N, C-alpha and C. Protein backbone atom coordinates (compact mmCIF):
# COMPACT_ATOMS: atom_id res chain seq x y z
N MET A 1 44.62 167.17 15.67
CA MET A 1 44.49 167.58 17.02
C MET A 1 45.21 166.46 17.87
N THR A 2 45.95 166.90 18.93
CA THR A 2 46.68 166.00 19.76
C THR A 2 45.96 165.87 21.12
N THR A 3 45.73 164.64 21.54
CA THR A 3 45.17 164.45 22.84
C THR A 3 46.26 164.07 23.85
N LEU A 4 45.80 164.03 25.07
CA LEU A 4 46.69 163.66 26.17
C LEU A 4 47.17 162.19 26.14
N ILE A 5 46.33 161.38 25.51
CA ILE A 5 46.69 160.01 25.47
C ILE A 5 47.54 159.66 24.26
N ASP A 6 47.67 160.50 23.31
CA ASP A 6 48.52 160.23 22.14
C ASP A 6 49.90 160.56 22.52
N ARG A 7 50.81 159.60 22.10
CA ARG A 7 52.26 159.80 22.36
C ARG A 7 52.90 159.61 21.05
N GLU A 8 54.07 160.17 21.02
CA GLU A 8 54.86 159.97 19.84
C GLU A 8 55.50 158.60 19.88
N GLU A 9 55.65 157.94 18.75
CA GLU A 9 56.30 156.67 18.75
C GLU A 9 57.81 156.90 19.05
N GLN A 10 58.34 155.99 19.88
CA GLN A 10 59.73 156.12 20.29
C GLN A 10 60.37 154.77 19.97
N THR A 11 61.44 154.79 19.31
CA THR A 11 62.19 153.63 19.01
C THR A 11 63.44 153.43 19.91
N PHE A 12 64.13 152.36 19.81
CA PHE A 12 65.26 152.05 20.65
C PHE A 12 66.33 153.13 20.43
N THR A 13 66.48 153.53 19.22
CA THR A 13 67.54 154.47 18.89
C THR A 13 67.19 155.91 19.32
N ASP A 14 65.90 156.15 19.61
CA ASP A 14 65.49 157.43 20.05
C ASP A 14 65.78 157.70 21.54
N ARG A 15 65.98 156.64 22.29
CA ARG A 15 66.25 156.73 23.72
C ARG A 15 67.54 157.45 23.99
N PRO A 16 67.64 158.15 25.08
CA PRO A 16 68.89 158.70 25.39
C PRO A 16 69.98 157.69 25.68
N VAL A 17 71.24 157.95 25.35
CA VAL A 17 72.30 157.03 25.55
C VAL A 17 72.59 156.88 27.11
N HIS A 18 72.53 158.02 27.83
CA HIS A 18 72.82 157.98 29.24
C HIS A 18 71.49 158.12 29.94
N ASP A 19 71.05 157.02 30.64
CA ASP A 19 69.78 157.03 31.38
C ASP A 19 70.07 157.19 32.88
N PRO A 20 69.58 158.24 33.48
CA PRO A 20 69.91 158.45 34.95
C PRO A 20 69.33 157.30 35.82
N LYS A 21 68.32 156.59 35.39
CA LYS A 21 67.80 155.48 36.17
C LYS A 21 68.77 154.39 36.26
N VAL A 22 69.53 154.09 35.20
CA VAL A 22 70.55 153.09 35.20
C VAL A 22 71.68 153.46 36.17
N ASP A 23 72.07 154.78 36.20
CA ASP A 23 73.06 155.16 37.15
C ASP A 23 72.65 154.97 38.63
N THR A 24 71.27 155.25 38.84
CA THR A 24 70.79 155.07 40.23
C THR A 24 70.82 153.63 40.62
N LEU A 25 70.46 152.69 39.63
CA LEU A 25 70.55 151.28 39.96
C LEU A 25 71.92 150.79 40.18
N ARG A 26 72.96 151.33 39.40
CA ARG A 26 74.31 150.90 39.64
C ARG A 26 74.82 151.35 40.97
N THR A 27 74.36 152.55 41.39
CA THR A 27 74.80 153.08 42.71
C THR A 27 74.19 152.19 43.78
N ARG A 28 72.93 151.90 43.72
CA ARG A 28 72.28 151.00 44.66
C ARG A 28 72.94 149.67 44.73
N ASN A 29 73.26 149.07 43.57
CA ASN A 29 73.89 147.80 43.43
C ASN A 29 75.26 147.80 44.15
N ARG A 30 76.02 148.88 43.94
CA ARG A 30 77.33 149.02 44.58
C ARG A 30 77.29 149.02 46.05
N PHE A 31 76.29 149.79 46.60
CA PHE A 31 76.13 149.87 48.05
C PHE A 31 75.66 148.50 48.56
N LEU A 32 74.81 147.77 47.80
CA LEU A 32 74.44 146.45 48.27
C LEU A 32 75.58 145.43 48.31
N ILE A 33 76.50 145.51 47.36
CA ILE A 33 77.68 144.70 47.26
C ILE A 33 78.62 145.00 48.45
N ILE A 34 78.75 146.32 48.77
CA ILE A 34 79.65 146.73 49.87
C ILE A 34 79.01 146.21 51.16
N ALA A 35 77.74 146.36 51.33
CA ALA A 35 77.04 145.92 52.58
C ALA A 35 77.19 144.34 52.69
N LEU A 36 77.05 143.67 51.58
CA LEU A 36 77.09 142.21 51.68
C LEU A 36 78.58 141.82 51.92
N ALA A 37 79.59 142.49 51.47
CA ALA A 37 81.01 142.19 51.75
C ALA A 37 81.24 142.39 53.21
N ILE A 38 80.74 143.46 53.79
CA ILE A 38 80.87 143.77 55.23
C ILE A 38 80.24 142.67 56.10
N VAL A 39 79.00 142.30 55.80
CA VAL A 39 78.30 141.22 56.52
C VAL A 39 79.07 139.91 56.40
N THR A 40 79.54 139.55 55.20
CA THR A 40 80.29 138.38 55.03
C THR A 40 81.61 138.29 55.88
N ALA A 41 82.30 139.43 55.83
CA ALA A 41 83.51 139.51 56.61
C ALA A 41 83.18 139.40 58.17
N ALA A 42 82.12 140.02 58.54
CA ALA A 42 81.76 139.87 60.04
C ALA A 42 81.41 138.52 60.33
N PHE A 43 80.70 137.77 59.50
CA PHE A 43 80.30 136.45 59.66
C PHE A 43 81.52 135.52 59.77
N VAL A 44 82.49 135.70 58.86
CA VAL A 44 83.67 134.84 58.85
C VAL A 44 84.54 135.15 60.16
N ALA A 45 84.58 136.46 60.52
CA ALA A 45 85.32 136.81 61.74
C ALA A 45 84.64 136.15 62.95
N LEU A 46 83.31 136.20 63.04
CA LEU A 46 82.64 135.64 64.14
C LEU A 46 82.80 134.11 64.23
N GLY A 47 82.78 133.47 63.05
CA GLY A 47 82.94 132.03 63.00
C GLY A 47 84.35 131.62 63.37
N THR A 48 85.34 132.41 62.92
CA THR A 48 86.77 132.08 63.34
C THR A 48 86.93 132.32 64.88
N TRP A 49 86.41 133.40 65.42
CA TRP A 49 86.51 133.68 66.86
C TRP A 49 85.85 132.52 67.69
N THR A 50 84.68 132.00 67.19
CA THR A 50 84.00 130.96 67.84
C THR A 50 84.83 129.69 67.90
N LEU A 51 85.42 129.33 66.74
CA LEU A 51 86.27 128.15 66.71
C LEU A 51 87.47 128.28 67.61
N VAL A 52 88.16 129.46 67.53
CA VAL A 52 89.33 129.60 68.42
C VAL A 52 88.90 129.55 69.88
N ASP A 53 87.79 130.24 70.22
CA ASP A 53 87.32 130.23 71.65
C ASP A 53 87.00 128.83 72.09
N ARG A 54 86.41 128.00 71.34
CA ARG A 54 85.97 126.66 71.71
C ARG A 54 87.23 125.71 71.76
N SER A 55 88.23 125.97 70.94
CA SER A 55 89.31 125.05 70.93
C SER A 55 90.40 125.39 71.91
N GLY A 56 90.35 126.58 72.48
CA GLY A 56 91.31 126.95 73.45
C GLY A 56 91.07 126.32 74.80
N SER A 57 92.13 126.33 75.62
CA SER A 57 91.93 125.72 76.94
C SER A 57 91.20 126.70 77.88
N SER A 58 90.47 126.17 78.80
CA SER A 58 89.75 126.95 79.72
C SER A 58 90.56 127.49 80.85
N ASP A 59 90.26 128.69 81.36
CA ASP A 59 90.99 129.17 82.54
C ASP A 59 90.76 128.35 83.78
N VAL A 60 89.68 127.56 83.83
CA VAL A 60 89.39 126.79 85.02
C VAL A 60 89.65 125.37 84.87
N ALA A 61 90.16 124.93 83.78
CA ALA A 61 90.54 123.51 83.59
C ALA A 61 91.76 123.21 84.36
N PRO A 62 91.84 122.00 84.94
CA PRO A 62 92.93 121.65 85.71
C PRO A 62 94.13 121.40 84.84
N THR A 63 95.38 121.65 85.36
CA THR A 63 96.56 121.40 84.56
C THR A 63 96.68 119.93 84.15
N ALA A 64 97.51 119.58 83.27
CA ALA A 64 97.71 118.16 82.80
C ALA A 64 98.20 117.34 84.01
N GLU A 65 98.99 117.86 84.82
CA GLU A 65 99.45 117.07 86.04
C GLU A 65 98.32 116.73 86.93
N ILE A 66 97.51 117.75 87.21
CA ILE A 66 96.37 117.50 88.07
C ILE A 66 95.35 116.53 87.45
N GLN A 67 95.14 116.71 86.16
CA GLN A 67 94.12 115.83 85.52
C GLN A 67 94.67 114.39 85.52
N GLN A 68 95.96 114.13 85.31
CA GLN A 68 96.59 112.84 85.38
C GLN A 68 96.38 112.18 86.82
N LEU A 69 96.63 113.07 87.88
CA LEU A 69 96.45 112.56 89.24
C LEU A 69 94.98 112.18 89.40
N LEU A 70 94.05 112.99 88.91
CA LEU A 70 92.61 112.68 89.15
C LEU A 70 92.25 111.38 88.32
N ASP A 71 92.76 111.25 87.12
CA ASP A 71 92.53 110.07 86.37
C ASP A 71 93.01 108.77 87.14
N ASP A 72 94.27 108.88 87.65
CA ASP A 72 94.84 107.73 88.42
C ASP A 72 94.08 107.48 89.65
N TYR A 73 93.56 108.53 90.30
CA TYR A 73 92.78 108.44 91.51
C TYR A 73 91.49 107.73 91.22
N GLU A 74 90.79 108.11 90.15
CA GLU A 74 89.58 107.49 89.78
C GLU A 74 89.81 106.00 89.40
N ALA A 75 90.91 105.75 88.70
CA ALA A 75 91.27 104.40 88.29
C ALA A 75 91.46 103.46 89.49
N ALA A 76 92.10 104.04 90.55
CA ALA A 76 92.35 103.24 91.71
C ALA A 76 91.05 102.84 92.40
N TRP A 77 90.08 103.74 92.41
CA TRP A 77 88.80 103.41 92.94
C TRP A 77 88.09 102.38 92.12
N ASN A 78 88.06 102.60 90.77
CA ASN A 78 87.35 101.70 89.88
C ASN A 78 88.07 100.27 89.75
N ASP A 79 89.31 100.27 90.01
CA ASP A 79 90.04 98.97 89.91
C ASP A 79 90.10 98.29 91.30
N TYR A 80 89.45 98.89 92.34
CA TYR A 80 89.47 98.27 93.72
C TYR A 80 90.86 98.08 94.18
N ASP A 81 91.80 99.08 93.89
CA ASP A 81 93.14 98.99 94.22
C ASP A 81 93.56 99.94 95.38
N GLY A 82 93.39 99.42 96.55
CA GLY A 82 93.71 100.22 97.79
C GLY A 82 95.26 100.67 97.86
N ALA A 83 96.10 99.79 97.38
CA ALA A 83 97.54 100.17 97.36
C ALA A 83 97.83 101.36 96.42
N ALA A 84 97.24 101.27 95.20
CA ALA A 84 97.43 102.41 94.30
C ALA A 84 96.81 103.66 94.82
N PHE A 85 95.69 103.47 95.49
CA PHE A 85 94.96 104.64 96.10
C PHE A 85 95.90 105.31 97.14
N LEU A 86 96.53 104.48 97.99
CA LEU A 86 97.42 105.08 99.07
C LEU A 86 98.60 105.79 98.45
N ALA A 87 99.07 105.36 97.28
CA ALA A 87 100.22 106.03 96.67
C ALA A 87 99.86 107.42 96.16
N LEU A 88 98.46 107.69 95.97
CA LEU A 88 98.08 108.94 95.40
C LEU A 88 97.51 109.99 96.38
N VAL A 89 97.44 109.54 97.72
CA VAL A 89 96.98 110.46 98.67
C VAL A 89 97.97 110.76 99.77
N THR A 90 97.79 111.85 100.50
CA THR A 90 98.67 112.25 101.57
C THR A 90 98.32 111.42 102.81
N ASP A 91 99.32 111.49 103.78
CA ASP A 91 99.13 110.75 105.06
C ASP A 91 97.94 111.28 105.81
N GLY A 92 97.63 112.56 105.65
CA GLY A 92 96.55 113.20 106.29
C GLY A 92 95.20 113.20 105.59
N TYR A 93 95.13 112.39 104.49
CA TYR A 93 94.00 112.30 103.64
C TYR A 93 92.74 112.06 104.43
N GLY A 94 91.65 112.70 103.89
CA GLY A 94 90.35 112.35 104.50
C GLY A 94 89.29 112.31 103.41
N PHE A 95 88.39 111.36 103.41
CA PHE A 95 87.33 111.23 102.48
C PHE A 95 85.95 111.46 103.34
N GLU A 96 85.23 112.54 102.89
CA GLU A 96 84.05 112.89 103.58
C GLU A 96 82.78 112.68 102.74
N ILE A 97 81.86 111.90 103.33
CA ILE A 97 80.60 111.64 102.66
C ILE A 97 79.51 111.55 103.73
N SER A 98 78.44 112.21 103.46
CA SER A 98 77.28 112.25 104.37
C SER A 98 77.68 112.59 105.82
N GLY A 99 78.61 113.51 105.92
CA GLY A 99 79.04 113.96 107.29
C GLY A 99 80.01 113.07 108.04
N THR A 100 80.48 112.04 107.33
CA THR A 100 81.43 111.06 107.98
C THR A 100 82.74 111.17 107.18
N THR A 101 83.81 111.32 108.02
CA THR A 101 85.16 111.40 107.35
C THR A 101 85.97 110.17 107.65
N THR A 102 86.60 109.59 106.58
CA THR A 102 87.35 108.40 106.73
C THR A 102 88.80 108.70 106.37
N GLY A 103 89.80 108.20 107.09
CA GLY A 103 91.21 108.35 106.80
C GLY A 103 91.65 107.48 105.65
N ALA A 104 92.85 107.69 105.24
CA ALA A 104 93.47 107.03 104.04
C ALA A 104 93.47 105.54 104.22
N ALA A 105 93.95 105.01 105.39
CA ALA A 105 94.12 103.53 105.50
C ALA A 105 92.73 102.86 105.47
N THR A 106 91.77 103.38 106.21
CA THR A 106 90.42 102.87 106.27
C THR A 106 89.76 102.90 104.87
N GLN A 107 89.92 104.05 104.14
CA GLN A 107 89.35 104.19 102.84
C GLN A 107 89.94 103.22 101.87
N ALA A 108 91.29 102.87 101.99
CA ALA A 108 91.92 101.93 101.12
C ALA A 108 91.32 100.53 101.31
N LEU A 109 91.03 100.21 102.60
CA LEU A 109 90.35 98.91 102.84
C LEU A 109 88.93 98.84 102.24
N TYR A 110 88.16 99.96 102.31
CA TYR A 110 86.85 100.04 101.65
C TYR A 110 87.03 99.87 100.14
N ILE A 111 87.97 100.47 99.57
CA ILE A 111 88.20 100.45 98.10
C ILE A 111 88.53 98.98 97.73
N ASP A 112 89.38 98.33 98.51
CA ASP A 112 89.71 96.95 98.18
C ASP A 112 88.50 96.02 98.23
N ASN A 113 87.57 96.32 99.03
CA ASN A 113 86.38 95.44 99.17
C ASN A 113 85.25 95.92 98.38
N MET A 114 85.26 96.96 97.61
CA MET A 114 84.15 97.40 96.78
C MET A 114 83.90 96.50 95.56
N GLY A 115 84.80 95.68 95.18
CA GLY A 115 84.60 94.76 94.02
C GLY A 115 83.38 93.93 94.11
N SER A 116 82.99 93.56 95.32
CA SER A 116 81.77 92.72 95.46
C SER A 116 80.48 93.44 95.09
N THR A 117 80.51 94.76 95.07
CA THR A 117 79.28 95.51 94.69
C THR A 117 79.42 95.96 93.29
N SER A 118 80.49 95.70 92.58
CA SER A 118 80.70 96.19 91.18
C SER A 118 80.52 97.70 91.20
N TRP A 119 81.03 98.32 92.21
CA TRP A 119 80.97 99.79 92.36
C TRP A 119 81.81 100.44 91.27
N HIS A 120 81.32 101.52 90.70
CA HIS A 120 82.07 102.27 89.62
C HIS A 120 81.72 103.68 89.68
N VAL A 121 82.74 104.55 89.49
CA VAL A 121 82.52 106.00 89.40
C VAL A 121 82.96 106.48 87.98
N THR A 122 82.16 107.34 87.43
CA THR A 122 82.44 107.92 86.10
C THR A 122 82.33 109.40 86.22
N GLN A 123 83.37 110.05 85.78
CA GLN A 123 83.33 111.55 85.81
C GLN A 123 82.39 111.99 84.60
N VAL A 124 81.54 112.97 84.93
CA VAL A 124 80.61 113.47 83.92
C VAL A 124 81.09 114.92 83.61
N GLY A 125 81.38 115.17 82.34
CA GLY A 125 81.80 116.50 81.97
C GLY A 125 83.23 116.78 82.37
N ASP A 126 83.57 118.06 82.35
CA ASP A 126 84.97 118.56 82.59
C ASP A 126 85.11 119.00 84.04
N ALA A 127 86.28 118.81 84.58
CA ALA A 127 86.60 119.24 85.92
C ALA A 127 86.84 120.72 85.89
N ILE A 128 86.63 121.34 87.02
CA ILE A 128 86.85 122.79 87.22
C ILE A 128 87.83 122.92 88.33
N SER A 129 88.90 123.72 88.08
CA SER A 129 89.99 123.84 89.09
C SER A 129 90.18 125.26 89.52
N ALA A 130 90.54 125.45 90.75
CA ALA A 130 90.83 126.83 91.27
C ALA A 130 92.02 126.69 92.27
N GLY A 131 92.73 127.79 92.36
CA GLY A 131 93.84 127.89 93.27
C GLY A 131 95.15 127.61 92.70
N ASP A 132 96.22 127.95 93.41
CA ASP A 132 97.61 127.66 92.95
C ASP A 132 98.40 126.95 93.98
N GLY A 133 97.73 126.19 94.75
CA GLY A 133 98.38 125.34 95.77
C GLY A 133 97.99 125.72 97.14
N PRO A 134 97.11 125.10 97.77
CA PRO A 134 96.46 123.88 97.22
C PRO A 134 95.47 124.13 96.16
N TYR A 135 95.18 123.17 95.35
CA TYR A 135 94.28 123.24 94.21
C TYR A 135 92.97 122.59 94.64
N TYR A 136 91.90 123.21 94.28
CA TYR A 136 90.54 122.68 94.56
C TYR A 136 89.92 122.37 93.25
N VAL A 137 89.53 121.10 93.11
CA VAL A 137 88.93 120.60 91.85
C VAL A 137 87.58 120.04 92.10
N ALA A 138 86.57 120.60 91.26
CA ALA A 138 85.21 120.17 91.35
C ALA A 138 84.90 119.23 90.18
N LEU A 139 84.37 118.11 90.45
CA LEU A 139 84.01 117.12 89.49
C LEU A 139 82.53 116.68 89.69
N VAL A 140 81.85 116.37 88.60
CA VAL A 140 80.52 115.80 88.66
C VAL A 140 80.73 114.34 88.40
N ASP A 141 80.26 113.60 89.34
CA ASP A 141 80.39 112.12 89.29
C ASP A 141 79.14 111.35 89.15
N ASN A 142 79.15 110.21 88.53
CA ASN A 142 78.01 109.30 88.47
C ASN A 142 78.50 108.03 89.12
N LEU A 143 77.84 107.61 90.17
CA LEU A 143 78.16 106.43 90.95
C LEU A 143 77.15 105.27 90.53
N THR A 144 77.71 104.12 90.23
CA THR A 144 76.88 102.97 89.99
C THR A 144 77.39 101.74 90.84
N ALA A 145 76.47 100.92 91.23
CA ALA A 145 76.81 99.72 91.94
C ALA A 145 75.70 98.68 91.85
N VAL A 146 76.12 97.42 91.92
CA VAL A 146 75.12 96.35 91.94
C VAL A 146 75.05 95.88 93.38
N ASP A 147 73.89 95.52 93.80
CA ASP A 147 73.62 95.05 95.20
C ASP A 147 74.07 96.16 96.27
N TYR A 148 73.75 97.35 95.85
CA TYR A 148 74.03 98.45 96.75
C TYR A 148 72.77 99.26 96.89
N PRO A 149 72.51 99.88 98.02
CA PRO A 149 71.23 100.56 98.25
C PRO A 149 70.90 101.63 97.14
N VAL A 150 71.89 102.28 96.58
CA VAL A 150 71.63 103.36 95.61
C VAL A 150 72.44 103.03 94.36
N ASP A 151 71.79 103.15 93.24
CA ASP A 151 72.50 102.84 91.93
C ASP A 151 72.29 104.02 91.00
N GLY A 152 73.24 104.53 90.35
CA GLY A 152 73.10 105.59 89.40
C GLY A 152 72.94 106.97 90.03
N VAL A 153 73.73 107.25 91.07
CA VAL A 153 73.67 108.52 91.75
C VAL A 153 74.61 109.58 91.17
N ASP A 154 74.10 110.77 90.96
CA ASP A 154 74.93 111.79 90.53
C ASP A 154 75.27 112.68 91.73
N GLY A 155 76.49 113.19 91.74
CA GLY A 155 76.90 114.03 92.87
C GLY A 155 78.13 114.81 92.49
N VAL A 156 78.54 115.68 93.38
CA VAL A 156 79.76 116.51 93.12
C VAL A 156 80.85 116.13 94.10
N SER A 157 82.03 115.97 93.55
CA SER A 157 83.20 115.71 94.34
C SER A 157 84.03 116.98 94.39
N ILE A 158 84.53 117.40 95.51
CA ILE A 158 85.45 118.47 95.65
C ILE A 158 86.72 117.82 96.21
N VAL A 159 87.72 117.85 95.34
CA VAL A 159 89.05 117.26 95.67
C VAL A 159 90.06 118.30 95.92
N THR A 160 90.78 118.22 96.95
CA THR A 160 91.86 119.12 97.33
C THR A 160 93.15 118.49 96.95
N VAL A 161 93.94 119.11 96.07
CA VAL A 161 95.23 118.53 95.64
C VAL A 161 96.30 119.50 96.21
N VAL A 162 97.39 118.81 96.71
CA VAL A 162 98.46 119.58 97.32
C VAL A 162 99.79 119.04 96.73
N ASP A 163 100.81 119.82 96.87
CA ASP A 163 102.18 119.46 96.52
C ASP A 163 102.78 118.80 97.78
N ASP A 164 103.04 117.50 97.69
CA ASP A 164 103.59 116.79 98.85
C ASP A 164 105.01 116.36 98.53
N GLY A 165 105.95 117.23 98.86
CA GLY A 165 107.42 116.96 98.62
C GLY A 165 107.71 116.82 97.13
N GLY A 166 107.07 117.70 96.33
CA GLY A 166 107.35 117.65 94.86
C GLY A 166 106.46 116.80 94.06
N THR A 167 105.52 116.12 94.70
CA THR A 167 104.53 115.24 94.05
C THR A 167 103.17 115.70 94.39
N LEU A 168 102.34 115.78 93.37
CA LEU A 168 100.93 116.18 93.64
C LEU A 168 100.17 115.01 94.12
N LYS A 169 99.46 115.23 95.24
CA LYS A 169 98.64 114.18 95.86
C LYS A 169 97.30 114.70 96.27
N VAL A 170 96.33 113.80 96.46
CA VAL A 170 95.01 114.20 96.95
C VAL A 170 95.10 114.24 98.45
N ASP A 171 94.63 115.37 99.00
CA ASP A 171 94.74 115.57 100.45
C ASP A 171 93.29 115.40 101.12
N HIS A 172 92.29 115.76 100.39
CA HIS A 172 90.92 115.73 100.90
C HIS A 172 89.93 115.48 99.74
N HIS A 173 88.92 114.77 100.05
CA HIS A 173 87.91 114.46 99.03
C HIS A 173 86.47 114.47 99.72
N VAL A 174 85.63 115.44 99.20
CA VAL A 174 84.32 115.51 99.80
C VAL A 174 83.32 115.15 98.69
N PHE A 175 82.50 114.19 98.92
CA PHE A 175 81.43 113.78 97.93
C PHE A 175 80.10 114.34 98.44
N ILE A 176 79.40 115.10 97.64
CA ILE A 176 78.08 115.59 97.98
C ILE A 176 77.09 115.02 96.99
N GLY A 177 76.12 114.22 97.50
CA GLY A 177 75.11 113.60 96.67
C GLY A 177 74.15 112.80 97.57
N ASP A 178 73.13 112.37 96.98
CA ASP A 178 72.10 111.55 97.77
C ASP A 178 72.48 110.12 97.77
N LEU A 179 73.02 109.60 98.84
CA LEU A 179 73.31 108.20 98.99
C LEU A 179 72.42 107.55 99.99
């Protein structure tokens, strides 16, 4: 008599050569490989795009000529060189801070005398530029000085750059910060 729990012995050679379960696993494996290839390609594309985007120049970055002018302008202030400062600004230059505007000649005298306070300006981060003449450039600055009422002040400078007879010069500079 045969019961429900009795089974016939089955050996390896008795199994069918073609097992549908193996085909199902192969199909699933193929779809997994295709999905993995798509995800990998998307990841590589995203990584490449990120690198290209970060290495490209910004639409708001100042041109090389404007950046050189700003670097020279900052150096004139930091070197307490009023003559170099005057060579970089227009005749109608104005420096505005805390509601007071100073002309080029007076500002050059102030710059010449700043050495006693060890005054120094450092640009923080990248400049942002707008316009095609005049150019408006925004800079974040950190001001430091010894024997000065305020030390370590962060503020924003807005510098107007113009073409003055074929040479780029600073026409106006506004500093906004707590002094």
